[in-house]
């Protein structure tokens, strides 16, 4: 559940004390790691400055917010971290993802799968089967390298550039099928393409005769949980179908990521390499 910081049409003077405090907390959380002063908070939430100051003082006293005496700015404190970690522990990503997978199967008629990253590989953790008599299915719990197939490539392309370089430099690109990408140059180009279009495509790269599209799923921290995919017989994955299915998968993966707390933000100048906002093209090394 998302608690809006917007006042909407409600007069701020009639809001409960709890409602005002939650609005302050959410505003600071949404702007983090940016810090905010009382004037900004009061103005944007349409609160009297004295009221905003009282709420902030109480939240600092409870340890929910931190206060910098030099800058007079507020930030999230250890109390907020404890609540956030407790919420994170309560999340079950496969349970959350399943209804999106069911929706994808109903919309496309193809099998939906969910994979989780495990180090330099990924593992299938759930699937919802296609209703077609001729369909794809996967073996849950099986491990696959990060360069073979759309579910793997979607994860690889979503990693920070430094981790991608580590994978390319230290892991052989094993040929799984004749269509597997085994050239580092080609894989770099493929990563750029995935980042630009928002989803990965595979035509027989992990399993001969199979087609699939996939997009990455992220935790609230921006780290990659894994990927969501649609898969089926390769002859049902022509370019137009791949584009349509890919858009649906990318949308569903983004919704799952949002439900587990991930929020996109505009990329700022000077952001660290691989920081999560809108994915940037991988710099191709020669």
Protein backbone atom coordinates (compact mmCIF):
# COMPACT_ATOMS: atom_id res chain seq x y z
CA UNK A 1 0.00 0.00 0.00
CA UNK A 2 1.29 3.45 -0.92
CA UNK A 3 0.44 6.35 1.35
CA UNK A 4 0.27 9.49 -0.75
CA UNK A 5 2.00 12.64 0.39
CA UNK A 6 -0.42 14.73 -1.58
CA UNK A 7 -2.88 16.83 0.35
CA UNK A 8 -5.41 16.49 -2.51
CA UNK A 9 -8.46 18.65 -1.90
CA UNK A 10 -8.45 18.06 1.85
CA UNK A 11 -7.62 21.10 3.94
CA UNK A 12 -4.29 20.37 5.65
CA UNK A 13 -5.62 21.85 8.85
CA UNK A 14 -8.19 19.03 9.15
CA UNK A 15 -5.71 16.16 8.73
CA UNK A 16 -5.05 13.97 11.71
CA UNK A 17 -1.72 14.20 13.46
CA UNK A 18 -0.89 10.69 12.23
CA UNK A 19 -1.77 11.63 8.67
CA UNK A 20 0.48 14.66 8.80
CA UNK A 21 3.35 12.65 10.28
CA UNK A 22 3.02 9.98 7.57
CA UNK A 23 3.02 12.68 4.90
CA UNK A 24 6.27 14.07 6.31
CA UNK A 25 7.87 10.62 6.53
CA UNK A 26 6.85 9.68 3.00
CA UNK A 27 8.12 12.94 1.58
CA UNK A 28 11.54 12.53 3.19
CA UNK A 29 11.66 8.86 2.13
CA UNK A 30 10.81 9.66 -1.48
CA UNK A 31 13.52 12.34 -1.67
CA UNK A 32 16.20 10.22 0.04
CA UNK A 33 19.21 10.47 0.01
CA UNK A 34 18.44 14.17 -0.46
CA UNK A 35 17.91 15.94 2.87
CA UNK A 36 15.15 18.49 3.47
CA UNK A 37 14.64 21.54 5.66
CA UNK A 38 11.51 22.43 7.62
CA UNK A 39 10.60 25.28 5.26
CA UNK A 40 10.56 23.02 2.22
CA UNK A 41 8.56 20.36 4.02
CA UNK A 42 6.01 22.83 5.34
CA UNK A 43 5.61 24.55 1.97
CA UNK A 44 5.22 21.44 -0.16
CA UNK A 45 2.86 19.70 2.27
CA UNK A 46 0.90 22.90 2.87
CA UNK A 47 1.47 22.72 6.62
CA UNK A 48 2.01 25.63 8.98
CA UNK A 49 5.74 25.83 9.63
CA UNK A 50 5.21 25.48 13.39
CA UNK A 51 3.20 22.30 12.85
CA UNK A 52 5.83 20.85 10.52
CA UNK A 53 8.57 21.69 13.02
CA UNK A 54 6.69 19.99 15.85
CA UNK A 55 6.16 16.83 13.81
CA UNK A 56 9.81 16.74 12.76
CA UNK A 57 10.99 17.25 16.33
CA UNK A 58 8.87 14.34 17.55
CA UNK A 59 10.08 12.05 14.77
CA UNK A 60 13.70 12.94 15.51
CA UNK A 61 13.11 12.28 19.20
CA UNK A 62 11.76 8.82 18.37
CA UNK A 63 14.78 8.09 16.16
CA UNK A 64 12.64 7.83 13.05
CA UNK A 65 14.36 10.83 11.48
CA UNK A 66 17.87 12.22 11.78
CA UNK A 67 18.74 15.93 12.01
CA UNK A 68 21.96 17.66 10.97
CA UNK A 69 22.64 20.56 13.35
CA UNK A 70 24.96 22.28 10.87
CA UNK A 71 22.75 22.19 7.78
CA UNK A 72 19.40 22.15 9.64
CA UNK A 73 18.30 19.36 7.31
CA UNK A 74 16.31 16.19 8.02
CA UNK A 75 16.86 12.65 6.74
CA UNK A 76 15.63 9.15 7.54
CA UNK A 77 16.94 7.76 10.82
CA UNK A 78 17.56 4.29 12.32
CA UNK A 79 13.92 3.89 13.28
CA UNK A 80 12.87 4.16 9.64
CA UNK A 81 15.54 1.64 8.70
CA UNK A 82 14.22 -0.87 11.23
CA UNK A 83 10.69 -0.54 9.86
CA UNK A 84 11.92 -0.81 6.29
CA UNK A 85 13.93 -3.95 6.98
CA UNK A 86 10.98 -5.55 8.74
CA UNK A 87 8.78 -4.82 5.72
CA UNK A 88 11.45 -6.23 3.40
CA UNK A 89 11.64 -9.46 5.41
CA UNK A 90 7.87 -9.84 5.07
CA UNK A 91 8.01 -9.68 1.26
CA UNK A 92 7.66 -12.91 -0.68
CA UNK A 93 8.54 -12.02 -4.25
CA UNK A 94 7.24 -15.23 -5.87
CA UNK A 95 3.88 -14.80 -4.13
CA UNK A 96 3.66 -11.19 -5.30
CA UNK A 97 4.76 -12.07 -8.83
CA UNK A 98 2.34 -14.97 -9.31
CA UNK A 99 -0.77 -12.90 -10.04
CA UNK A 100 1.20 -10.93 -12.66
CA UNK A 101 2.30 -14.21 -14.20
CA UNK A 102 -1.29 -15.44 -14.33
CA UNK A 103 -2.26 -12.16 -16.01
CA UNK A 104 0.48 -12.56 -18.61
CA UNK A 105 -0.56 -16.12 -19.43
CA UNK A 106 -4.18 -15.04 -19.87
CA UNK A 107 -3.14 -12.17 -22.14
CA UNK A 108 -0.70 -14.10 -24.33
CA UNK A 109 -1.41 -17.81 -24.00
CA UNK A 110 2.29 -18.50 -23.33
CA UNK A 111 4.04 -19.85 -20.23
CA UNK A 112 5.24 -17.28 -17.68
CA UNK A 113 8.30 -17.95 -15.53
CA UNK A 114 10.06 -16.25 -12.64
CA UNK A 115 13.82 -16.57 -12.12
CA UNK A 116 15.97 -15.46 -9.20
CA UNK A 117 19.58 -14.41 -9.47
CA UNK A 118 22.06 -16.58 -7.57
CA UNK A 119 25.55 -15.16 -7.89
CA UNK A 120 26.68 -15.55 -11.49
CA UNK A 121 23.73 -17.75 -12.45
CA UNK A 122 19.98 -17.73 -12.10
CA UNK A 123 17.40 -20.29 -10.99
CA UNK A 124 13.79 -20.85 -12.03
CA UNK A 125 11.61 -20.43 -8.92
CA UNK A 126 8.07 -20.43 -10.35
CA UNK A 127 6.04 -20.83 -13.53
CA UNK A 128 2.45 -20.59 -14.76
CA UNK A 129 1.90 -22.91 -17.68
CA UNK A 130 0.38 -22.02 -21.04
CA UNK A 131 -3.09 -23.46 -21.73
CA UNK A 132 -1.93 -24.61 -25.18
CA UNK A 133 -1.42 -28.31 -25.81
CA UNK A 134 1.96 -27.46 -27.35
CA UNK A 135 3.71 -25.29 -24.76
CA UNK A 136 6.94 -24.63 -22.94
CA UNK A 137 7.65 -25.67 -19.37
CA UNK A 138 10.78 -25.30 -17.26
CA UNK A 139 12.36 -27.32 -14.48
CA UNK A 140 12.13 -25.34 -11.26
CA UNK A 141 15.35 -25.13 -9.27
CA UNK A 142 17.62 -25.60 -12.28
CA UNK A 143 20.58 -23.21 -12.60
CA UNK A 144 21.55 -21.39 -15.79
CA UNK A 145 24.41 -19.00 -16.70
CA UNK A 146 23.72 -15.30 -17.13
CA UNK A 147 24.51 -15.12 -20.86
CA UNK A 148 22.17 -17.80 -22.19
CA UNK A 149 18.47 -17.11 -22.79
CA UNK A 150 16.26 -14.08 -22.24
CA UNK A 151 15.73 -14.61 -18.49
CA UNK A 152 19.49 -14.67 -17.97
CA UNK A 153 20.30 -11.78 -20.31
CA UNK A 154 17.63 -9.57 -18.71
CA UNK A 155 19.35 -10.05 -15.35
CA UNK A 156 22.83 -9.48 -16.77
CA UNK A 157 21.80 -6.28 -18.57
CA UNK A 158 20.25 -4.88 -15.37
CA UNK A 159 23.46 -5.25 -13.35
CA UNK A 160 25.87 -2.35 -12.79
CA UNK A 161 28.50 -2.04 -15.51
CA UNK A 162 31.28 -3.14 -13.15
CA UNK A 163 29.51 -6.44 -12.44
CA UNK A 164 28.90 -7.01 -16.13
CA UNK A 165 32.59 -6.50 -16.82
CA UNK A 166 33.43 -8.95 -14.03
CA UNK A 167 31.19 -11.56 -15.63
CA UNK A 168 32.55 -11.02 -19.12
CA UNK A 169 36.17 -11.05 -17.94
CA UNK A 170 36.00 -14.06 -15.64
CA UNK A 171 33.31 -16.38 -16.96
CA UNK A 172 33.51 -18.31 -20.19
CA UNK A 173 30.52 -17.85 -22.47
CA UNK A 174 29.65 -21.52 -22.73
CA UNK A 175 27.71 -22.62 -25.80
CA UNK A 176 24.43 -24.14 -24.59
CA UNK A 177 22.81 -24.40 -28.04
CA UNK A 178 24.00 -23.42 -31.52
CA UNK A 179 22.21 -20.08 -31.05
CA UNK A 180 23.87 -19.17 -27.73
CA UNK A 181 25.84 -15.92 -27.81
CA UNK A 182 29.47 -16.85 -27.15
CA UNK A 183 31.16 -13.69 -28.44
CA UNK A 184 31.91 -11.02 -25.83
CA UNK A 185 31.47 -8.30 -28.46
CA UNK A 186 28.08 -9.63 -29.50
CA UNK A 187 26.98 -9.97 -25.88
CA UNK A 188 27.97 -6.36 -25.18
CA UNK A 189 25.88 -5.25 -28.14
CA UNK A 190 23.00 -7.39 -26.90
CA UNK A 191 23.17 -5.77 -23.45
CA UNK A 192 22.94 -2.32 -25.04
CA UNK A 193 19.89 -3.47 -27.03
CA UNK A 194 18.18 -4.91 -23.93
CA UNK A 195 18.73 -1.72 -21.98
CA UNK A 196 17.36 0.40 -24.82
CA UNK A 197 14.18 -1.63 -25.41
CA UNK A 198 13.56 -2.68 -21.80
CA UNK A 199 13.42 -6.44 -22.33
CA UNK A 200 15.52 -9.34 -23.62
CA UNK A 201 14.68 -11.72 -26.46
CA UNK A 202 15.93 -15.25 -27.01
CA UNK A 203 15.29 -17.47 -30.01
CA UNK A 204 16.71 -20.87 -29.18
CA UNK A 205 19.68 -19.56 -27.16
CA UNK A 206 19.07 -21.72 -24.06
CA UNK A 207 16.82 -24.39 -25.51
CA UNK A 208 16.62 -25.15 -29.22
CA UNK A 209 13.19 -24.48 -30.66
CA UNK A 210 12.13 -22.19 -27.80
CA UNK A 211 11.40 -18.48 -27.95
CA UNK A 212 11.16 -16.12 -24.98
CA UNK A 213 11.16 -12.53 -23.78
CA UNK A 214 12.12 -11.36 -20.29
CA UNK A 215 12.61 -8.27 -18.11
CA UNK A 216 14.41 -7.71 -14.83
CA UNK A 217 12.73 -7.50 -11.42
CA UNK A 218 14.39 -5.30 -8.78
CA UNK A 219 14.33 -5.02 -5.01
CA UNK A 220 13.61 -1.68 -3.33
CA UNK A 221 17.37 -1.10 -3.14
CA UNK A 222 17.68 -1.34 -6.92
CA UNK A 223 19.52 -4.66 -6.72
CA UNK A 224 18.32 -7.28 -9.17
CA UNK A 225 16.06 -9.98 -7.73
CA UNK A 226 15.78 -11.85 -10.99
CA UNK A 227 13.60 -11.77 -14.09
CA UNK A 228 10.10 -12.39 -15.39
CA UNK A 229 9.60 -14.07 -18.73
CA UNK A 230 7.17 -15.43 -21.31
CA UNK A 231 8.25 -18.48 -23.28
CA UNK A 232 6.85 -20.82 -25.91
CA UNK A 233 7.64 -22.63 -29.14
CA UNK A 234 9.98 -20.51 -31.27
CA UNK A 235 7.60 -20.44 -34.24
CA UNK A 236 5.13 -18.46 -32.11
CA UNK A 237 7.76 -15.77 -31.37
CA UNK A 238 8.07 -13.77 -34.58
CA UNK A 239 9.46 -10.19 -34.35
CA UNK A 240 6.04 -8.55 -33.95
CA UNK A 241 5.01 -11.00 -31.22
CA UNK A 242 8.33 -10.58 -29.42
CA UNK A 243 7.83 -6.82 -29.38
CA UNK A 244 4.27 -7.10 -28.05
CA UNK A 245 5.06 -9.78 -25.47
CA UNK A 246 8.24 -7.96 -24.46
CA UNK A 247 6.31 -4.78 -23.71
CA UNK A 248 3.83 -6.72 -21.56
CA UNK A 249 6.62 -8.47 -19.65
CA UNK A 250 8.53 -5.22 -19.10
CA UNK A 251 5.37 -3.58 -17.74
CA UNK A 252 4.61 -6.49 -15.41
CA UNK A 253 8.21 -6.67 -14.17
CA UNK A 254 8.12 -2.95 -13.42
CA UNK A 255 4.86 -3.36 -11.50
CA UNK A 256 6.29 -6.24 -9.44
CA UNK A 257 9.41 -4.18 -8.73
CA UNK A 258 7.25 -1.23 -7.65
CA UNK A 259 5.19 -3.47 -5.38
CA UNK A 260 8.32 -4.64 -3.56
CA UNK A 261 9.46 -1.06 -3.13
CA UNK A 262 11.58 -0.14 -6.16
CA UNK A 263 11.18 3.42 -7.39
CA UNK A 264 12.81 4.80 -10.51
CA UNK A 265 14.34 8.26 -10.43
CA UNK A 266 15.94 10.51 -13.02
CA UNK A 267 19.66 9.84 -13.39
CA UNK A 268 21.66 12.69 -11.86
CA UNK A 269 24.94 14.05 -13.12
CA UNK A 270 27.80 12.37 -11.34
CA UNK A 271 25.76 9.32 -10.34
CA UNK A 272 27.89 6.28 -9.67
CA UNK A 273 28.44 3.76 -12.41
CA UNK A 274 25.57 1.32 -12.57
CA UNK A 275 23.31 3.40 -10.31
CA UNK A 276 19.70 2.49 -10.85
CA UNK A 277 17.48 4.98 -12.60
CA UNK A 278 16.93 4.73 -16.32
CA UNK A 279 19.48 2.11 -17.48
CA UNK A 280 22.31 3.67 -19.45
CA UNK A 281 23.96 2.11 -22.50
CA UNK A 282 26.94 -0.08 -21.66
CA UNK A 283 30.17 1.45 -22.91
CA UNK A 284 31.48 -0.97 -25.50
CA UNK A 285 35.16 -1.73 -24.99
CA UNK A 286 37.28 -2.51 -27.99
